[in-house]
C-alpha atoms as a PDB file:
ATOM      1  CA  UNK A   1      -2.012  12.219 -29.595  1.00  0.00           C
ATOM      2  CA  UNK A   2       0.007   8.781 -28.364  1.00  0.00           C
ATOM      3  CA  UNK A   3       3.692   8.513 -30.085  1.00  0.00           C
ATOM      4  CA  UNK A   4       3.290   5.947 -33.283  1.00  0.00           C
ATOM      5  CA  UNK A   5       3.988   2.432 -31.946  1.00  0.00           C
ATOM      6  CA  UNK A   6       5.008  -0.293 -34.617  1.00  0.00           C
ATOM      7  CA  UNK A   7       3.538  -3.514 -34.121  1.00  0.00           C
ATOM      8  CA  UNK A   8       3.581  -6.687 -36.190  1.00  0.00           C
ATOM      9  CA  UNK A   9       1.584  -9.796 -36.825  1.00  0.00           C
ATOM     10  CA  UNK A  10       1.688 -13.216 -38.270  1.00  0.00           C
ATOM     11  CA  UNK A  11      -0.350 -16.366 -39.253  1.00  0.00           C
ATOM     12  CA  UNK A  12       0.831 -18.549 -36.246  1.00  0.00           C
ATOM     13  CA  UNK A  13      -0.490 -15.449 -34.028  1.00  0.00           C
ATOM     14  CA  UNK A  14      -4.223 -16.791 -34.418  1.00  0.00           C
ATOM     15  CA  UNK A  15      -4.558 -19.378 -31.805  1.00  0.00           C
ATOM     16  CA  UNK A  16      -7.792 -21.279 -29.806  1.00  0.00           C
ATOM     17  CA  UNK A  17      -7.350 -18.718 -27.335  1.00  0.00           C
ATOM     18  CA  UNK A  18      -5.062 -20.214 -24.802  1.00  0.00           C
ATOM     19  CA  UNK A  19      -2.228 -18.268 -26.006  1.00  0.00           C
ATOM     20  CA  UNK A  20       1.499 -19.868 -27.409  1.00  0.00           C
ATOM     21  CA  UNK A  21       2.741 -21.506 -30.804  1.00  0.00           C
ATOM     22  CA  UNK A  22       0.086 -23.765 -32.564  1.00  0.00           C
ATOM     23  CA  UNK A  23       0.736 -25.620 -35.664  1.00  0.00           C
ATOM     24  CA  UNK A  24       0.324 -23.906 -39.047  1.00  0.00           C
ATOM     25  CA  UNK A  25      -2.721 -25.928 -40.087  1.00  0.00           C
ATOM     26  CA  UNK A  26      -4.496 -25.940 -36.611  1.00  0.00           C
ATOM     27  CA  UNK A  27      -7.665 -24.346 -38.723  1.00  0.00           C
ATOM     28  CA  UNK A  28      -8.202 -26.473 -41.422  1.00  0.00           C
ATOM     29  CA  UNK A  29     -10.496 -23.816 -43.062  1.00  0.00           C
ATOM     30  CA  UNK A  30      -7.367 -22.200 -43.672  1.00  0.00           C
ATOM     31  CA  UNK A  31      -6.237 -24.402 -46.220  1.00  0.00           C
ATOM     32  CA  UNK A  32      -6.520 -24.769 -49.924  1.00  0.00           C
ATOM     33  CA  UNK A  33      -7.947 -21.058 -50.803  1.00  0.00           C
ATOM     34  CA  UNK A  34      -7.344 -19.269 -47.588  1.00  0.00           C
ATOM     35  CA  UNK A  35      -3.463 -18.072 -48.181  1.00  0.00           C
ATOM     36  CA  UNK A  36      -1.310 -15.287 -47.303  1.00  0.00           C
ATOM     37  CA  UNK A  37      -3.217 -12.504 -49.147  1.00  0.00           C
ATOM     38  CA  UNK A  38      -6.184 -13.672 -47.628  1.00  0.00           C
ATOM     39  CA  UNK A  39      -4.673 -13.570 -44.333  1.00  0.00           C
ATOM     40  CA  UNK A  40      -3.273  -9.608 -44.920  1.00  0.00           C
ATOM     41  CA  UNK A  41      -7.068  -8.866 -45.691  1.00  0.00           C
ATOM     42  CA  UNK A  42      -8.175 -10.801 -42.211  1.00  0.00           C
ATOM     43  CA  UNK A  43      -6.018  -8.561 -40.428  1.00  0.00           C
ATOM     44  CA  UNK A  44      -6.782  -5.448 -42.223  1.00  0.00           C
ATOM     45  CA  UNK A  45     -10.466  -5.898 -41.575  1.00  0.00           C
ATOM     46  CA  UNK A  46     -10.980  -7.997 -38.402  1.00  0.00           C
ATOM     47  CA  UNK A  47      -7.773  -6.872 -36.488  1.00  0.00           C
ATOM     48  CA  UNK A  48      -6.741  -3.422 -37.570  1.00  0.00           C
ATOM     49  CA  UNK A  49      -9.791  -1.917 -36.452  1.00  0.00           C
ATOM     50  CA  UNK A  50      -9.748  -3.137 -33.060  1.00  0.00           C
ATOM     51  CA  UNK A  51      -6.528  -1.340 -32.182  1.00  0.00           C
ATOM     52  CA  UNK A  52      -5.732   1.980 -30.768  1.00  0.00           C
ATOM     53  CA  UNK A  53      -5.062   4.826 -33.815  1.00  0.00           C
ATOM     54  CA  UNK A  54      -1.535   5.324 -33.139  1.00  0.00           C
ATOM     55  CA  UNK A  55      -0.974   1.393 -33.604  1.00  0.00           C
ATOM     56  CA  UNK A  56       0.854   0.633 -37.021  1.00  0.00           C
ATOM     57  CA  UNK A  57       0.245  -2.822 -37.946  1.00  0.00           C
ATOM     58  CA  UNK A  58       3.322  -5.067 -40.124  1.00  0.00           C
ATOM     59  CA  UNK A  59       3.028  -8.589 -41.315  1.00  0.00           C
ATOM     60  CA  UNK A  60       5.272 -11.403 -40.581  1.00  0.00           C
ATOM     61  CA  UNK A  61       6.011 -14.236 -43.071  1.00  0.00           C
ATOM     62  CA  UNK A  62       7.960 -17.442 -43.579  1.00  0.00           C
ATOM     63  CA  UNK A  63       9.575 -17.595 -46.852  1.00  0.00           C
ATOM     64  CA  UNK A  64       8.829 -20.736 -48.330  1.00  0.00           C
ATOM     65  CA  UNK A  65       5.873 -21.703 -45.929  1.00  0.00           C
ATOM     66  CA  UNK A  66       4.128 -18.386 -46.799  1.00  0.00           C
ATOM     67  CA  UNK A  67       5.314 -16.677 -49.358  1.00  0.00           C
ATOM     68  CA  UNK A  68       7.369 -17.897 -52.424  1.00  0.00           C
ATOM     69  CA  UNK A  69       7.972 -17.131 -55.949  1.00  0.00           C
ATOM     70  CA  UNK A  70       4.698 -18.257 -56.745  1.00  0.00           C
ATOM     71  CA  UNK A  71       2.862 -15.955 -54.907  1.00  0.00           C
ATOM     72  CA  UNK A  72       4.803 -12.897 -54.000  1.00  0.00           C
ATOM     73  CA  UNK A  73       3.043 -10.634 -56.486  1.00  0.00           C
ATOM     74  CA  UNK A  74       0.159 -11.151 -54.864  1.00  0.00           C
ATOM     75  CA  UNK A  75       0.969 -10.875 -51.172  1.00  0.00           C
ATOM     76  CA  UNK A  76       2.627  -7.368 -52.143  1.00  0.00           C
ATOM     77  CA  UNK A  77      -0.362  -6.401 -53.736  1.00  0.00           C
ATOM     78  CA  UNK A  78      -2.560  -7.615 -50.561  1.00  0.00           C
ATOM     79  CA  UNK A  79      -0.091  -5.174 -48.560  1.00  0.00           C
ATOM     80  CA  UNK A  80      -0.323  -2.223 -50.691  1.00  0.00           C
ATOM     81  CA  UNK A  81      -3.974  -2.357 -51.345  1.00  0.00           C
ATOM     82  CA  UNK A  82      -4.947  -2.932 -47.356  1.00  0.00           C
ATOM     83  CA  UNK A  83      -2.020  -0.183 -46.317  1.00  0.00           C
ATOM     84  CA  UNK A  84       0.179  -2.958 -44.763  1.00  0.00           C
ATOM     85  CA  UNK A  85       3.755  -2.708 -44.024  1.00  0.00           C
ATOM     86  CA  UNK A  86       5.989  -5.709 -44.770  1.00  0.00           C
ATOM     87  CA  UNK A  87       7.549  -6.181 -41.023  1.00  0.00           C
ATOM     88  CA  UNK A  88       9.988  -9.135 -41.292  1.00  0.00           C
ATOM     89  CA  UNK A  89      10.538 -12.245 -43.539  1.00  0.00           C
ATOM     90  CA  UNK A  90      11.889 -15.406 -42.039  1.00  0.00           C
ATOM     91  CA  UNK A  91      13.216 -18.713 -43.149  1.00  0.00           C
ATOM     92  CA  UNK A  92       9.920 -21.106 -42.889  1.00  0.00           C
ATOM     93  CA  UNK A  93      11.390 -23.522 -40.163  1.00  0.00           C
ATOM     94  CA  UNK A  94       8.768 -23.731 -37.835  1.00  0.00           C
ATOM     95  CA  UNK A  95       6.883 -25.897 -40.358  1.00  0.00           C
ATOM     96  CA  UNK A  96       9.493 -28.577 -39.941  1.00  0.00           C
ATOM     97  CA  UNK A  97      11.542 -27.672 -36.520  1.00  0.00           C
ATOM     98  CA  UNK A  98      10.152 -27.099 -33.085  1.00  0.00           C
ATOM     99  CA  UNK A  99      11.537 -23.187 -33.272  1.00  0.00           C
ATOM    100  CA  UNK A 100      14.329 -21.572 -34.412  1.00  0.00           C
ATOM    101  CA  UNK A 101      16.194 -23.700 -36.963  1.00  0.00           C
ATOM    102  CA  UNK A 102      16.694 -22.629 -40.616  1.00  0.00           C
ATOM    103  CA  UNK A 103      15.045 -25.006 -42.750  1.00  0.00           C
ATOM    104  CA  UNK A 104      13.441 -24.089 -45.761  1.00  0.00           C
ATOM    105  CA  UNK A 105      16.369 -22.044 -47.188  1.00  0.00           C
ATOM    106  CA  UNK A 106      18.787 -24.737 -47.264  1.00  0.00           C
ATOM    107  CA  UNK A 107      18.457 -26.626 -50.775  1.00  0.00           C
ATOM    108  CA  UNK A 108      19.710 -29.968 -49.245  1.00  0.00           C
ATOM    109  CA  UNK A 109      16.801 -29.506 -46.770  1.00  0.00           C
ATOM    110  CA  UNK A 110      13.936 -28.433 -49.103  1.00  0.00           C
ATOM    111  CA  UNK A 111      15.524 -31.427 -51.489  1.00  0.00           C
ATOM    112  CA  UNK A 112      14.763 -34.310 -49.063  1.00  0.00           C
ATOM    113  CA  UNK A 113      11.221 -32.847 -48.282  1.00  0.00           C
ATOM    114  CA  UNK A 114      10.781 -33.003 -51.570  1.00  0.00           C
ATOM    115  CA  UNK A 115       9.869 -29.315 -52.086  1.00  0.00           C
ATOM    116  CA  UNK A 116      11.199 -27.311 -54.933  1.00  0.00           C
ATOM    117  CA  UNK A 117      13.811 -24.502 -53.973  1.00  0.00           C
ATOM    118  CA  UNK A 118      12.372 -21.288 -55.173  1.00  0.00           C
ATOM    119  CA  UNK A 119      14.349 -19.046 -57.644  1.00  0.00           C
ATOM    120  CA  UNK A 120      15.707 -15.867 -56.204  1.00  0.00           C
ATOM    121  CA  UNK A 121      15.736 -13.044 -58.880  1.00  0.00           C
ATOM    122  CA  UNK A 122      18.296 -10.157 -58.477  1.00  0.00           C
ATOM    123  CA  UNK A 123      16.760  -7.169 -57.239  1.00  0.00           C
ATOM    124  CA  UNK A 124      16.247  -5.350 -60.841  1.00  0.00           C
ATOM    125  CA  UNK A 125      14.099  -2.610 -61.126  1.00  0.00           C
ATOM    126  CA  UNK A 126      12.338  -4.011 -64.125  1.00  0.00           C
ATOM    127  CA  UNK A 127      11.458  -7.731 -62.725  1.00  0.00           C
ATOM    128  CA  UNK A 128       8.113  -8.831 -63.561  1.00  0.00           C
ATOM    129  CA  UNK A 129       6.762  -8.661 -60.253  1.00  0.00           C
ATOM    130  CA  UNK A 130       7.738  -5.299 -59.727  1.00  0.00           C
ATOM    131  CA  UNK A 131       6.263  -3.913 -62.993  1.00  0.00           C
ATOM    132  CA  UNK A 132       3.363  -5.766 -61.704  1.00  0.00           C
ATOM    133  CA  UNK A 133       3.139  -3.320 -58.590  1.00  0.00           C
ATOM    134  CA  UNK A 134       3.565   0.154 -60.055  1.00  0.00           C
ATOM    135  CA  UNK A 135       0.312   0.357 -60.968  1.00  0.00           C
ATOM    136  CA  UNK A 136      -0.936  -0.635 -57.602  1.00  0.00           C
ATOM    137  CA  UNK A 137       1.428   1.334 -55.786  1.00  0.00           C
ATOM    138  CA  UNK A 138       2.101   4.702 -57.573  1.00  0.00           C
ATOM    139  CA  UNK A 139       5.112   6.996 -55.824  1.00  0.00           C
ATOM    140  CA  UNK A 140       2.809   7.099 -52.543  1.00  0.00           C
ATOM    141  CA  UNK A 141       5.301   7.611 -49.992  1.00  0.00           C
ATOM    142  CA  UNK A 142       4.924   5.985 -46.440  1.00  0.00           C
ATOM    143  CA  UNK A 143       3.240   2.618 -48.477  1.00  0.00           C
ATOM    144  CA  UNK A 144       5.724  -0.512 -47.752  1.00  0.00           C
ATOM    145  CA  UNK A 145       4.231  -2.245 -50.282  1.00  0.00           C
ATOM    146  CA  UNK A 146       5.812   0.340 -52.964  1.00  0.00           C
ATOM    147  CA  UNK A 147       7.751  -1.958 -55.831  1.00  0.00           C
ATOM    148  CA  UNK A 148      10.449  -2.482 -53.365  1.00  0.00           C
ATOM    149  CA  UNK A 149       8.662  -4.924 -51.262  1.00  0.00           C
ATOM    150  CA  UNK A 150       9.096  -7.814 -53.512  1.00  0.00           C
ATOM    151  CA  UNK A 151      12.745  -6.637 -53.867  1.00  0.00           C
ATOM    152  CA  UNK A 152      13.020  -6.746 -49.989  1.00  0.00           C
ATOM    153  CA  UNK A 153      11.543 -10.233 -49.956  1.00  0.00           C
ATOM    154  CA  UNK A 154      13.659 -11.696 -52.411  1.00  0.00           C
ATOM    155  CA  UNK A 155      17.151 -10.166 -51.188  1.00  0.00           C
ATOM    156  CA  UNK A 156      16.505 -11.369 -47.951  1.00  0.00           C
ATOM    157  CA  UNK A 157      15.741 -14.792 -48.626  1.00  0.00           C
ATOM    158  CA  UNK A 158      18.900 -14.606 -50.508  1.00  0.00           C
ATOM    159  CA  UNK A 159      20.689 -13.476 -47.439  1.00  0.00           C
ATOM    160  CA  UNK A 160      19.673 -15.880 -45.532  1.00  0.00           C
ATOM    161  CA  UNK A 161      21.004 -18.678 -48.156  1.00  0.00           C
ATOM    162  CA  UNK A 162      24.359 -16.933 -48.707  1.00  0.00           C
ATOM    163  CA  UNK A 163      24.745 -16.323 -44.544  1.00  0.00           C
ATOM    164  CA  UNK A 164      23.232 -20.323 -44.189  1.00  0.00           C
ATOM    165  CA  UNK A 165      26.548 -21.192 -46.507  1.00  0.00           C
ATOM    166  CA  UNK A 166      28.969 -19.051 -44.774  1.00  0.00           C
ATOM    167  CA  UNK A 167      27.858 -20.841 -41.511  1.00  0.00           C
ATOM    168  CA  UNK A 168      28.099 -24.142 -43.145  1.00  0.00           C
ATOM    169  CA  UNK A 169      31.517 -22.951 -44.438  1.00  0.00           C
ATOM    170  CA  UNK A 170      32.682 -21.779 -40.833  1.00  0.00           C
ATOM    171  CA  UNK A 171      32.097 -25.169 -39.010  1.00  0.00           C
ATOM    172  CA  UNK A 172      34.694 -27.133 -38.387  1.00  0.00           C
ATOM    173  CA  UNK A 173      33.728 -30.811 -40.344  1.00  0.00           C
ATOM    174  CA  UNK A 174      35.627 -33.213 -37.507  1.00  0.00           C
ATOM    175  CA  UNK A 175      35.718 -36.639 -38.458  1.00  0.00           C
ATOM    176  CA  UNK A 176      35.001 -38.148 -34.770  1.00  0.00           C
ATOM    177  CA  UNK A 177      34.647 -41.383 -35.049  1.00  0.00           C
ATOM    178  CA  UNK A 178      37.287 -44.046 -36.382  1.00  0.00           C
ATOM    179  CA  UNK A 179      39.208 -46.973 -34.189  1.00  0.00           C
ATOM    180  CA  UNK A 180      42.181 -46.984 -37.023  1.00  0.00           C
ATOM    181  CA  UNK A 181      43.250 -43.566 -35.654  1.00  0.00           C
ATOM    182  CA  UNK A 182      44.127 -44.775 -31.846  1.00  0.00           C
ATOM    183  CA  UNK A 183      47.998 -44.582 -31.188  1.00  0.00           C
ATOM    184  CA  UNK A 184      49.570 -47.981 -31.274  1.00  0.00           C
ATOM    185  CA  UNK A 185      50.692 -47.428 -27.566  1.00  0.00           C
ATOM    186  CA  UNK A 186      48.819 -46.699 -24.706  1.00  0.00           C
ATOM    187  CA  UNK A 187      48.108 -42.631 -24.536  1.00  0.00           C
ATOM    188  CA  UNK A 188      46.267 -40.543 -22.626  1.00  0.00           C
ATOM    189  CA  UNK A 189      44.516 -36.560 -23.134  1.00  0.00           C
ATOM    190  CA  UNK A 190      44.611 -34.064 -20.469  1.00  0.00           C
ATOM    191  CA  UNK A 191      42.862 -31.482 -20.942  1.00  0.00           C
ATOM    192  CA  UNK A 192      43.280 -28.472 -18.617  1.00  0.00           C
ATOM    193  CA  UNK A 193      43.088 -24.749 -18.143  1.00  0.00           C
ATOM    194  CA  UNK A 194      46.342 -23.515 -19.421  1.00  0.00           C
ATOM    195  CA  UNK A 195      45.976 -19.698 -17.163  1.00  0.00           C
ATOM    196  CA  UNK A 196      46.357 -21.595 -13.941  1.00  0.00           C
ATOM    197  CA  UNK A 197      50.042 -21.988 -13.215  1.00  0.00           C
ATOM    198  CA  UNK A 198      49.254 -24.976 -10.944  1.00  0.00           C
ATOM    199  CA  UNK A 199      47.997 -27.071 -13.735  1.00  0.00           C
ATOM    200  CA  UNK A 200      50.919 -27.538 -15.409  1.00  0.00           C
ATOM    201  CA  UNK A 201      52.414 -29.037 -12.342  1.00  0.00           C
ATOM    202  CA  UNK A 202      49.648 -31.261 -12.667  1.00  0.00           C
ATOM    203  CA  UNK A 203      50.757 -32.119 -15.615  1.00  0.00           C
ATOM    204  CA  UNK A 204      54.122 -32.951 -14.925  1.00  0.00           C
ATOM    205  CA  UNK A 205      53.151 -35.304 -11.901  1.00  0.00           C
ATOM    206  CA  UNK A 206      50.476 -37.044 -14.315  1.00  0.00           C
ATOM    207  CA  UNK A 207      53.442 -37.989 -16.649  1.00  0.00           C
ATOM    208  CA  UNK A 208      55.205 -39.049 -14.176  1.00  0.00           C
ATOM    209  CA  UNK A 209      52.803 -40.873 -12.518  1.00  0.00           C
ATOM    210  CA  UNK A 210      51.674 -42.737 -16.010  1.00  0.00           C
ATOM    211  CA  UNK A 211      55.529 -43.991 -16.187  1.00  0.00           C
ATOM    212  CA  UNK A 212      55.002 -46.304 -13.882  1.00  0.00           C
ATOM    213  CA  UNK A 213      56.024 -50.018 -15.386  1.00  0.00           C
ATOM    214  CA  UNK A 214      52.351 -51.280 -14.601  1.00  0.00           C
ATOM    215  CA  UNK A 215      50.878 -48.407 -16.682  1.00  0.00           C
ATOM    216  CA  UNK A 216      53.342 -47.153 -19.796  1.00  0.00           C
ATOM    217  CA  UNK A 217      50.947 -44.022 -20.698  1.00  0.00           C
ATOM    218  CA  UNK A 218      51.612 -41.161 -23.054  1.00  0.00           C
ATOM    219  CA  UNK A 219      50.000 -37.954 -21.914  1.00  0.00           C
ATOM    220  CA  UNK A 220      49.319 -35.579 -24.485  1.00  0.00           C
ATOM    221  CA  UNK A 221      48.659 -31.993 -23.914  1.00  0.00           C
ATOM    222  CA  UNK A 222      48.657 -29.542 -26.703  1.00  0.00           C
ATOM    223  CA  UNK A 223      50.308 -26.798 -24.217  1.00  0.00           C
ATOM    224  CA  UNK A 224      53.076 -29.501 -23.697  1.00  0.00           C
ATOM    225  CA  UNK A 225      53.536 -29.834 -27.266  1.00  0.00           C
ATOM    226  CA  UNK A 226      52.389 -29.571 -30.851  1.00  0.00           C
ATOM    227  CA  UNK A 227      53.204 -31.578 -33.704  1.00  0.00           C
ATOM    228  CA  UNK A 228      51.402 -29.188 -36.655  1.00  0.00           C
ATOM    229  CA  UNK A 229      50.936 -25.924 -37.080  1.00  0.00           C
ATOM    230  CA  UNK A 230      47.534 -26.073 -37.311  1.00  0.00           C
ATOM    231  CA  UNK A 231      46.395 -26.231 -33.764  1.00  0.00           C
ATOM    232  CA  UNK A 232      42.876 -27.106 -34.113  1.00  0.00           C
ATOM    233  CA  UNK A 233      43.769 -29.878 -36.528  1.00  0.00           C
ATOM    234  CA  UNK A 234      46.198 -31.147 -34.352  1.00  0.00           C
ATOM    235  CA  UNK A 235      44.000 -31.060 -31.092  1.00  0.00           C
ATOM    236  CA  UNK A 236      41.424 -33.151 -32.896  1.00  0.00           C
ATOM    237  CA  UNK A 237      44.209 -35.477 -34.433  1.00  0.00           C
ATOM    238  CA  UNK A 238      45.306 -36.156 -30.383  1.00  0.00           C
ATOM    239  CA  UNK A 239      41.641 -36.131 -29.204  1.00  0.00           C
ATOM    240  CA  UNK A 240      40.893 -39.234 -31.615  1.00  0.00           C
ATOM    241  CA  UNK A 241      44.379 -41.008 -31.237  1.00  0.00           C
ATOM    242  CA  UNK A 242      44.368 -41.526 -27.344  1.00  0.00           C
ATOM    243  CA  UNK A 243      42.535 -44.250 -25.374  1.00  0.00           C
ATOM    244  CA  UNK A 244      41.167 -42.192 -22.747  1.00  0.00           C
ATOM    245  CA  UNK A 245      41.140 -38.495 -21.541  1.00  0.00           C
ATOM    246  CA  UNK A 246      41.591 -36.880 -18.108  1.00  0.00           C
ATOM    247  CA  UNK A 247      40.117 -33.446 -17.620  1.00  0.00           C
ATOM    248  CA  UNK A 248      41.093 -31.058 -14.881  1.00  0.00           C
ATOM    249  CA  UNK A 249      37.697 -28.746 -14.485  1.00  0.00           C
ATOM    250  CA  UNK A 250      37.973 -26.882 -11.607  1.00  0.00           C
ATOM    251  CA  UNK A 251      37.344 -23.945 -12.893  1.00  0.00           C
ATOM    252  CA  UNK A 252      35.073 -24.811 -15.756  1.00  0.00           C
ATOM    253  CA  UNK A 253      37.048 -23.466 -18.332  1.00  0.00           C
ATOM    254  CA  UNK A 254      35.211 -23.729 -21.625  1.00  0.00           C
ATOM    255  CA  UNK A 255      37.975 -25.242 -24.014  1.00  0.00           C
ATOM    256  CA  UNK A 256      38.234 -27.839 -21.189  1.00  0.00           C
ATOM    257  CA  UNK A 257      34.720 -28.488 -21.259  1.00  0.00           C
ATOM    258  CA  UNK A 258      34.458 -28.815 -24.893  1.00  0.00           C
ATOM    259  CA  UNK A 259      37.525 -31.319 -25.207  1.00  0.00           C
ATOM    260  CA  UNK A 260      35.662 -32.909 -22.130  1.00  0.00           C
ATOM    261  CA  UNK A 261      32.605 -33.426 -24.780  1.00  0.00           C
ATOM    262  CA  UNK A 262      34.603 -34.664 -27.685  1.00  0.00           C
ATOM    263  CA  UNK A 263      36.435 -37.320 -25.448  1.00  0.00           C
ATOM    264  CA  UNK A 264      32.812 -38.530 -24.525  1.00  0.00           C
ATOM    265  CA  UNK A 265      31.673 -37.992 -27.984  1.00  0.00           C
ATOM    266  CA  UNK A 266      34.195 -40.376 -29.022  1.00  0.00           C
ATOM    267  CA  UNK A 267      33.219 -42.901 -26.531  1.00  0.00           C
ATOM    268  CA  UNK A 268      36.467 -42.455 -24.493  1.00  0.00           C
ATOM    269  CA  UNK A 269      36.950 -42.781 -20.426  1.00  0.00           C
ATOM    270  CA  UNK A 270      37.361 -39.494 -19.176  1.00  0.00           C
ATOM    271  CA  UNK A 271      38.854 -39.139 -15.531  1.00  0.00           C
ATOM    272  CA  UNK A 272      37.420 -35.789 -14.515  1.00  0.00           C
ATOM    273  CA  UNK A 273      39.759 -33.642 -11.940  1.00  0.00           C
ATOM    274  CA  UNK A 274      38.363 -30.992  -9.351  1.00  0.00           C
ATOM    275  CA  UNK A 275      40.071 -29.292  -6.847  1.00  0.00           C
ATOM    276  CA  UNK A 276      38.328 -29.846  -3.565  1.00  0.00           C
ATOM    277  CA  UNK A 277      38.838 -26.075  -2.621  1.00  0.00           C
ATOM    278  CA  UNK A 278      36.979 -24.748  -6.012  1.00  0.00           C
ATOM    279  CA  UNK A 279      33.982 -23.030  -5.830  1.00  0.00           C
ATOM    280  CA  UNK A 280      32.641 -23.549  -9.032  1.00  0.00           C
ATOM    281  CA  UNK A 281      29.550 -25.245  -9.531  1.00  0.00           C
ATOM    282  CA  UNK A 282      30.180 -28.838 -11.579  1.00  0.00           C
ATOM    283  CA  UNK A 283      28.011 -28.399 -15.018  1.00  0.00           C
ATOM    284  CA  UNK A 284      24.845 -30.385 -14.995  1.00  0.00           C
ATOM    285  CA  UNK A 285      25.755 -32.603 -17.907  1.00  0.00           C
ATOM    286  CA  UNK A 286      28.950 -34.068 -16.052  1.00  0.00           C
ATOM    287  CA  UNK A 287      28.151 -33.393 -12.472  1.00  0.00           C
ATOM    288  CA  UNK A 288      26.668 -37.236 -12.248  1.00  0.00           C
ATOM    289  CA  UNK A 289      30.283 -38.362 -13.520  1.00  0.00           C
ATOM    290  CA  UNK A 290      32.570 -40.033 -11.236  1.00  0.00           C
ATOM    291  CA  UNK A 291      35.530 -37.473 -10.201  1.00  0.00           C
ATOM    292  CA  UNK A 292      38.436 -37.065  -8.009  1.00  0.00           C
ATOM    293  CA  UNK A 293      38.557 -34.429  -5.611  1.00  0.00           C
ATOM    294  CA  UNK A 294      42.470 -33.613  -4.915  1.00  0.00           C
ATOM    295  CA  UNK A 295      44.170 -30.998  -2.549  1.00  0.00           C
ATOM    296  CA  UNK A 296      46.865 -29.340  -3.367  1.00  0.00           C
ATOM    297  CA  UNK A 297      49.740 -28.214  -1.237  1.00  0.00           C
ATOM    298  CA  UNK A 298      53.170 -25.535  -1.574  1.00  0.00           C
ATOM    299  CA  UNK A 299      56.059 -26.020   0.597  1.00  0.00           C
ATOM    300  CA  UNK A 300      59.445 -24.796  -0.035  1.00  0.00           C
ATOM    301  CA  UNK A 301      58.662 -24.016  -3.900  1.00  0.00           C
ATOM    302  CA  UNK A 302      57.403 -27.616  -3.936  1.00  0.00           C
ATOM    303  CA  UNK A 303      54.036 -28.695  -5.058  1.00  0.00           C
ATOM    304  CA  UNK A 304      51.931 -31.971  -3.376  1.00  0.00           C
ATOM    305  CA  UNK A 305      48.762 -33.423  -4.512  1.00  0.00           C
ATOM    306  CA  UNK A 306      47.277 -34.849  -1.614  1.00  0.00           C
ATOM    307  CA  UNK A 307      45.426 -38.472  -2.200  1.00  0.00           C
ATOM    308  CA  UNK A 308      45.602 -37.919  -6.115  1.00  0.00           C
ATOM    309  CA  UNK A 309      47.857 -41.018  -6.778  1.00  0.00           C
ATOM    310  CA  UNK A 310      45.220 -43.144  -3.977  1.00  0.00           C
ATOM    311  CA  UNK A 311      42.338 -41.779  -6.325  1.00  0.00           C
ATOM    312  CA  UNK A 312      44.040 -42.270  -9.451  1.00  0.00           C
ATOM    313  CA  UNK A 313      45.112 -45.718  -9.146  1.00  0.00           C
ATOM    314  CA  UNK A 314      41.167 -46.741  -8.263  1.00  0.00           C
ATOM    315  CA  UNK A 315      40.245 -44.584 -11.357  1.00  0.00           C
ATOM    316  CA  UNK A 316      42.897 -46.419 -13.344  1.00  0.00           C
ATOM    317  CA  UNK A 317      41.684 -50.041 -12.583  1.00  0.00           C
ATOM    318  CA  UNK A 318      38.132 -48.909 -13.886  1.00  0.00           C
ATOM    319  CA  UNK A 319      39.456 -47.181 -17.097  1.00  0.00           C
ATOM    320  CA  UNK A 320      41.418 -50.391 -18.004  1.00  0.00           C
ATOM    321  CA  UNK A 321      38.149 -52.409 -18.027  1.00  0.00           C
ATOM    322  CA  UNK A 322      36.073 -49.897 -19.599  1.00  0.00           C
ATOM    323  CA  UNK A 323      38.790 -49.530 -22.697  1.00  0.00           C
ATOM    324  CA  UNK A 324      39.902 -52.613 -24.058  1.00  0.00           C
ATOM    325  CA  UNK A 325      41.724 -51.026 -26.639  1.00  0.00           C
ATOM    326  CA  UNK A 326      44.028 -49.592 -24.012  1.00  0.00           C
ATOM    327  CA  UNK A 327      44.565 -53.390 -22.550  1.00  0.00           C
ATOM    328  CA  UNK A 328      45.553 -54.662 -25.720  1.00  0.00           C
ATOM    329  CA  UNK A 329      47.942 -51.073 -26.909  1.00  0.00           C
ATOM    330  CA  UNK A 330      51.562 -51.398 -26.414  1.00  0.00           C
ATOM    331  CA  UNK A 331      52.901 -49.299 -23.236  1.00  0.00           C
ATOM    332  CA  UNK A 332      54.675 -46.287 -24.285  1.00  0.00           C
ATOM    333  CA  UNK A 333      58.086 -47.120 -25.178  1.00  0.00           C
ATOM    334  CA  UNK A 334      59.594 -44.134 -23.014  1.00  0.00           C
ATOM    335  CA  UNK A 335      57.854 -45.638 -20.249  1.00  0.00           C
ATOM    336  CA  UNK A 336      60.361 -47.000 -17.199  1.00  0.00           C
ATOM    337  CA  UNK A 337      60.439 -50.481 -17.349  1.00  0.00           C
ATOM    338  CA  UNK A 338      57.984 -51.104 -20.758  1.00  0.00           C
END
């Protein structure tokens, strides 16, 4: 006999014969009186008999879209009566988003949709739902539809809500916009990979370059100085305060790319720097942006950046045109001749 094989099916599986996902209301006749219990019965009568004997079927459901407090008892009864497993229960995201985004377990989203957020009872053995099942289930083993079926559904949905709140709490609520946060003096943020020693030489080169009387720009870099022991907070404060950014992207360092994205989201001009000998492919989202490709030479313990100054002069002429707040800001007091 073939080895037992577990498979699952959901309401979304029923398509017009061409495969792929379909809207939940693609069959109008399935509305109204044709609910999840009826779908479970349909699977048991029409689909299971066509499958090999070694296949055990389970039903996948979307909480709030196909099962909730109002029909949980009827759904559990249908599972028991038709000897089908509860294979999986997930938030009913597909009704509101293309795929995969948690929606229906979020109270705020549900309120916006005008939906009632279902009550999630604690998994109490004396719960009325469980009590309603006992008469049907008995103590027969091998049936997922025993008294724990509804408890599992309720617990799973409660867990999703808790996990969602944990995710929300862990996400940084970063304030990106706010013109009032610009520095009073000209400044730029330099994003670079701290693990590459040559980048510190590049930092010093940029600091000296921007000391020129015509520029008077202070270069801010977390690796050079921190003003707050809360490093992420200090980082975002610096990103918000500068007039433009420079990003060394030769190694596609993830932190550099994130900082570049934040600067672009703040509508700050960003000058990209890339070593000409780098074999890394520039990410698609910024591949079309202007960038300076430079050479670096070492001799007698000194590092020289070839053609970088000429290219930076051209780039900064464009930056000053793009950033009026930079033109209006005072030169950094420590710049020569400022």
